[in-house]
Amino acid sequence: MAKLGNIFNKEEIKKEEQHPRRTIKWIHYSKLKTNPDQYCPARDKEEIESLADLIEAAGEVIENLSVSKSDTDEYRIIAGHKRCEACRLLVEERGLKQFEFLPCIVNNVSVVQESFRVLASNGYHTKKPYELMHEITEMERLLWEHPEEFPPSLQKGRMVERLSKKMGIARATVQEYQQISRNLLPEAMEKFKEGEIEKSAALTLARLPEKMQKAKQVMALVSSFRFPINFLRKQLRSSDMIWVKNVIMVLVCFSFRRMNCQENRQ
């Protein structure tokens, strides 16, 4: 008959295996480097200043950063970019040296898992359309190139369905962002990244032939509607916004027809 003590010891070993202990390492902010996979930077300095105010008020960084070792004495941040920037501000601009070391958990994971964790750490971040497109594109790349790193349920089936399931996004939305990512030309993509054109305009452009996307009249027309859309969003009811967007689409189509007529005459 087994001794109760031995049974308890086995259970304790199992628990330790399932939930390994995490050691906190205090790392100087200058040794923490931005992860190249990070795609959700702070909106502006005010966001970092607000976070710095909270950290200063709390007297410490309450939530540990997640990092991976990149060099002898340097680390890549997986989660905690803004906390690091806030502490940098507290030390360099406010002279508060007590915030120069941050509590970090050092992860020993594969490059694929590190990339995935960067995506996961931004999961609850309020994203701009471009950032969501980047997240879908990067997740698609990881699922294609490293399926073995994910659960069996995500290794089979149509990619759009796997992405929809993994990210909790409607399939139609995933397909729209895929179309923008694959077809939108660099000039328009840069405007999309900077928020100068909205998702609807980016999608409209992505559905056009390359020749039309390159036309200066088209870019000027699409870009010119950014201010009215943003202004009207505050002024009109949501039902009216559908009407506004339809008017814009008609104007865009009219512009394309006009361009085609001019080409035919020439």
Protein backbone atom coordinates (compact mmCIF):
# COMPACT_ATOMS: atom_id res chain seq x y z
CA MET A 1 0.00 0.00 0.00
CA ALA A 2 1.37 3.38 -0.99
CA LYS A 3 2.18 5.88 1.72
CA LEU A 4 0.11 9.06 1.78
CA GLY A 5 3.29 11.08 1.92
CA ASN A 6 4.51 9.63 -1.38
CA ILE A 7 1.17 10.36 -3.05
CA PHE A 8 1.25 13.98 -1.97
CA ASN A 9 4.85 14.30 -3.14
CA LYS A 10 3.86 13.07 -6.62
CA GLU A 11 1.00 15.53 -6.78
CA GLU A 12 3.31 18.34 -5.82
CA ILE A 13 5.76 17.32 -8.57
CA LYS A 14 2.92 17.28 -11.10
CA LYS A 15 1.81 20.75 -10.07
CA GLU A 16 5.34 22.07 -10.38
CA GLU A 17 5.65 20.58 -13.87
CA GLN A 18 2.34 22.08 -14.97
CA HIS A 19 3.06 25.48 -13.45
CA PRO A 20 6.81 26.11 -13.54
CA ARG A 21 8.11 28.81 -11.27
CA ARG A 22 8.94 32.10 -12.91
CA THR A 23 11.95 34.01 -11.71
CA ILE A 24 11.79 37.78 -11.90
CA LYS A 25 14.94 39.42 -13.22
CA TRP A 26 15.47 43.15 -12.71
CA ILE A 27 16.83 44.63 -15.96
CA HIS A 28 17.97 48.19 -16.70
CA TYR A 29 15.72 49.91 -19.21
CA SER A 30 18.65 50.62 -21.54
CA LYS A 31 19.19 46.86 -21.95
CA LEU A 32 15.59 46.30 -23.12
CA LYS A 33 15.23 46.56 -26.89
CA THR A 34 12.13 46.98 -29.05
CA ASN A 35 11.01 43.73 -30.63
CA PRO A 36 11.12 43.94 -34.46
CA ASP A 37 7.74 42.17 -34.53
CA GLN A 38 6.07 44.88 -32.44
CA TYR A 39 3.46 46.69 -34.54
CA CYS A 40 1.35 48.65 -32.04
CA PRO A 41 3.46 51.61 -30.89
CA ALA A 42 2.17 54.32 -28.57
CA ARG A 43 -0.19 56.71 -30.31
CA ASP A 44 1.74 59.74 -29.08
CA LYS A 45 3.93 60.95 -26.23
CA GLU A 46 0.86 61.77 -24.14
CA GLU A 47 0.02 58.09 -23.92
CA ILE A 48 3.49 57.33 -22.52
CA GLU A 49 3.30 60.31 -20.15
CA SER A 50 -0.06 59.10 -18.80
CA LEU A 51 1.37 55.63 -18.18
CA ALA A 52 4.42 57.19 -16.52
CA ASP A 53 2.10 59.14 -14.21
CA LEU A 54 0.39 55.89 -13.16
CA ILE A 55 3.69 54.10 -12.54
CA GLU A 56 5.01 57.03 -10.52
CA ALA A 57 1.81 57.16 -8.48
CA ALA A 58 1.97 53.39 -7.81
CA GLY A 59 5.65 53.62 -6.93
CA GLU A 60 6.55 50.65 -9.12
CA VAL A 61 5.84 48.78 -12.34
CA ILE A 62 3.05 46.52 -11.13
CA GLU A 63 3.00 44.09 -14.07
CA ASN A 64 6.19 42.25 -15.05
CA LEU A 65 7.55 42.61 -18.57
CA SER A 66 7.98 39.53 -20.75
CA VAL A 67 11.34 39.40 -22.57
CA SER A 68 13.72 37.05 -24.35
CA LYS A 69 17.51 37.13 -24.33
CA SER A 70 18.99 38.52 -27.54
CA ASP A 71 22.64 39.14 -26.63
CA THR A 72 25.03 38.81 -23.71
CA ASP A 73 23.39 41.59 -21.74
CA GLU A 74 20.48 42.67 -23.94
CA TYR A 75 16.87 41.51 -24.13
CA ARG A 76 14.05 41.79 -26.66
CA ILE A 77 10.73 42.88 -25.25
CA ILE A 78 7.82 40.53 -25.93
CA ALA A 79 5.25 42.38 -23.84
CA GLY A 80 5.80 45.70 -22.09
CA HIS A 81 7.11 48.15 -24.69
CA LYS A 82 5.09 51.05 -23.33
CA ARG A 83 6.03 50.29 -19.71
CA CYS A 84 9.68 50.40 -20.74
CA GLU A 85 9.22 53.74 -22.53
CA ALA A 86 7.34 55.13 -19.53
CA CYS A 87 10.21 54.19 -17.20
CA ARG A 88 12.70 55.70 -19.64
CA LEU A 89 10.72 58.94 -19.46
CA LEU A 90 10.59 58.83 -15.64
CA VAL A 91 14.37 58.42 -15.42
CA GLU A 92 15.59 60.65 -18.24
CA GLU A 93 13.02 63.47 -18.09
CA ARG A 94 11.90 63.45 -14.47
CA GLY A 95 15.11 62.30 -12.83
CA LEU A 96 13.45 59.41 -10.95
CA LYS A 97 16.30 56.88 -10.85
CA GLN A 98 14.27 54.37 -8.82
CA PHE A 99 12.49 53.35 -12.04
CA GLU A 100 15.59 52.53 -14.10
CA PHE A 101 15.29 48.77 -13.40
CA LEU A 102 12.16 46.93 -14.53
CA PRO A 103 10.84 43.54 -13.32
CA CYS A 104 11.08 41.06 -16.20
CA ILE A 105 10.38 37.41 -16.83
CA VAL A 106 12.93 35.98 -19.27
CA ASN A 107 11.36 33.48 -21.69
CA ASN A 108 13.29 30.72 -23.44
CA VAL A 109 11.04 30.18 -26.47
CA SER A 110 11.44 29.59 -30.20
CA VAL A 111 11.43 32.48 -32.67
CA VAL A 112 7.98 31.40 -33.83
CA GLN A 113 6.56 31.36 -30.32
CA GLU A 114 8.14 34.73 -29.62
CA SER A 115 6.47 36.23 -32.70
CA PHE A 116 3.16 34.70 -31.68
CA ARG A 117 3.46 36.05 -28.14
CA VAL A 118 4.05 39.56 -29.49
CA LEU A 119 0.80 39.19 -31.44
CA ALA A 120 -0.98 37.79 -28.40
CA SER A 121 0.26 40.59 -26.14
CA ASN A 122 -1.41 43.10 -28.44
CA GLY A 123 -4.64 41.12 -28.54
CA TYR A 124 -6.61 43.52 -26.34
CA HIS A 125 -5.02 46.66 -27.72
CA THR A 126 -7.41 48.98 -29.55
CA LYS A 127 -5.97 48.67 -33.02
CA LYS A 128 -5.99 50.86 -36.06
CA PRO A 129 -7.18 49.08 -39.24
CA TYR A 130 -3.59 48.85 -40.52
CA GLU A 131 -2.45 47.18 -37.28
CA LEU A 132 -5.25 44.62 -37.51
CA MET A 133 -4.27 43.89 -41.11
CA HIS A 134 -0.66 43.39 -40.01
CA GLU A 135 -1.78 41.03 -37.25
CA ILE A 136 -3.83 38.92 -39.68
CA THR A 137 -0.99 38.82 -42.22
CA GLU A 138 1.61 37.84 -39.62
CA MET A 139 -0.65 35.17 -38.10
CA GLU A 140 -1.26 33.75 -41.58
CA ARG A 141 2.51 33.57 -42.16
CA LEU A 142 3.07 31.73 -38.88
CA LEU A 143 0.27 29.24 -39.58
CA TRP A 144 1.61 28.53 -43.09
CA GLU A 145 5.29 28.24 -42.19
CA HIS A 146 5.10 26.69 -38.71
CA PRO A 147 1.83 24.75 -38.31
CA GLU A 148 3.49 22.35 -35.86
CA GLU A 149 3.72 25.18 -33.31
CA PHE A 150 -0.08 25.43 -33.07
CA PRO A 151 -2.87 23.13 -31.83
CA PRO A 152 -4.12 20.45 -34.27
CA SER A 153 -7.41 22.32 -34.72
CA LEU A 154 -5.49 25.17 -36.42
CA GLN A 155 -3.34 22.97 -38.67
CA LYS A 156 -6.07 21.94 -41.12
CA GLY A 157 -8.82 23.63 -43.10
CA ARG A 158 -9.08 26.78 -45.20
CA MET A 159 -6.72 29.50 -44.03
CA VAL A 160 -9.45 32.12 -43.81
CA GLU A 161 -11.44 29.87 -41.48
CA ARG A 162 -8.39 29.10 -39.34
CA LEU A 163 -7.59 32.81 -39.02
CA SER A 164 -11.20 33.62 -38.22
CA LYS A 165 -11.25 30.97 -35.49
CA LYS A 166 -7.90 31.91 -34.00
CA MET A 167 -8.49 35.67 -33.94
CA GLY A 168 -12.24 35.80 -33.35
CA ILE A 169 -12.86 37.85 -36.51
CA ALA A 170 -15.56 37.28 -39.11
CA ARG A 171 -14.37 35.44 -42.23
CA ALA A 172 -15.53 38.25 -44.51
CA THR A 173 -13.45 40.74 -42.51
CA VAL A 174 -10.38 38.48 -42.69
CA GLN A 175 -10.78 38.24 -46.47
CA GLU A 176 -11.05 42.01 -46.83
CA TYR A 177 -7.84 42.59 -44.91
CA GLN A 178 -6.09 39.86 -46.90
CA GLN A 179 -7.12 41.62 -50.10
CA ILE A 180 -5.73 44.93 -48.85
CA SER A 181 -2.48 43.30 -47.73
CA ARG A 182 -1.91 41.50 -51.03
CA ASN A 183 -3.10 44.06 -53.57
CA LEU A 184 -2.70 47.57 -52.18
CA LEU A 185 0.29 49.36 -53.71
CA PRO A 186 3.05 50.81 -51.48
CA GLU A 187 2.03 54.47 -51.81
CA ALA A 188 -1.54 53.77 -50.77
CA MET A 189 -0.38 51.30 -48.11
CA GLU A 190 1.73 54.04 -46.50
CA LYS A 191 -1.31 56.32 -46.40
CA PHE A 192 -3.33 53.47 -44.89
CA LYS A 193 -0.63 52.92 -42.27
CA GLU A 194 -0.59 56.60 -41.32
CA GLY A 195 -4.38 56.72 -41.10
CA GLU A 196 -4.69 59.08 -44.07
CA ILE A 197 -7.17 56.74 -45.76
CA GLU A 198 -9.68 54.50 -44.02
CA LYS A 199 -10.20 50.79 -44.45
CA SER A 200 -13.12 51.23 -46.87
CA ALA A 201 -11.00 53.43 -49.14
CA ALA A 202 -8.03 51.04 -48.89
CA LEU A 203 -10.26 48.11 -49.81
CA THR A 204 -11.72 50.05 -52.77
CA LEU A 205 -8.23 50.76 -54.06
CA ALA A 206 -7.03 47.19 -53.47
CA ARG A 207 -9.84 45.91 -55.70
CA LEU A 208 -8.68 48.07 -58.61
CA PRO A 209 -6.16 47.15 -61.32
CA GLU A 210 -2.62 48.32 -60.61
CA LYS A 211 -2.82 50.95 -63.37
CA MET A 212 -5.80 52.64 -61.75
CA GLN A 213 -4.24 52.50 -58.29
CA LYS A 214 -1.24 54.39 -59.63
CA ALA A 215 -3.36 57.15 -61.16
CA LYS A 216 -2.79 60.40 -59.27
CA GLN A 217 -6.43 61.43 -59.77
CA VAL A 218 -7.61 58.33 -57.94
CA MET A 219 -5.28 58.80 -54.95
CA ALA A 220 -6.20 62.46 -54.73
CA LEU A 221 -9.90 61.64 -54.84
CA VAL A 222 -9.71 58.92 -52.18
CA SER A 223 -7.46 60.98 -49.89
CA SER A 224 -9.63 64.08 -50.23
CA PHE A 225 -12.55 62.34 -48.56
CA ARG A 226 -10.76 61.65 -45.30
CA PHE A 227 -11.72 64.93 -43.65
CA PRO A 228 -15.42 64.86 -44.63
CA ILE A 229 -15.77 61.25 -43.44
CA ASN A 230 -14.13 61.91 -40.08
CA PHE A 231 -16.08 65.15 -39.63
CA LEU A 232 -19.40 63.65 -40.63
CA ARG A 233 -18.89 60.66 -38.34
CA LYS A 234 -19.24 63.04 -35.39
CA GLN A 235 -22.10 64.99 -36.90
CA LEU A 236 -24.33 62.38 -38.53
CA ARG A 237 -26.18 59.32 -37.32
CA SER A 238 -24.63 55.95 -38.13
CA SER A 239 -27.39 55.24 -40.69
CA ASP A 240 -26.43 58.42 -42.55
CA MET A 241 -22.80 57.26 -42.76
CA ILE A 242 -23.86 54.48 -45.14
CA TRP A 243 -25.32 57.13 -47.43
CA VAL A 244 -22.13 59.21 -47.26
CA LYS A 245 -19.92 56.25 -48.14
CA ASN A 246 -22.22 55.31 -51.04
CA VAL A 247 -21.94 58.85 -52.43
CA ILE A 248 -18.15 58.60 -52.23
CA MET A 249 -18.18 55.25 -54.01
CA VAL A 250 -20.30 56.75 -56.81
CA LEU A 251 -17.83 59.64 -57.17
CA VAL A 252 -14.90 57.24 -57.30
CA CYS A 253 -16.57 55.11 -59.97
CA PHE A 254 -17.46 58.24 -61.93
CA SER A 255 -13.80 59.29 -61.80
CA PHE A 256 -12.69 55.89 -63.15
CA ARG A 257 -15.14 56.06 -66.06
CA ARG A 258 -13.95 59.56 -66.91
CA MET A 259 -10.34 58.37 -66.92
CA ASN A 260 -11.25 55.47 -69.25
CA CYS A 261 -13.06 57.79 -71.65
CA GLN A 262 -10.04 60.09 -71.79
CA GLU A 263 -7.75 57.14 -72.53
CA ASN A 264 -10.05 55.87 -75.31
CA ARG A 265 -10.08 59.29 -76.96
CA GLN A 266 -6.32 59.37 -76.95
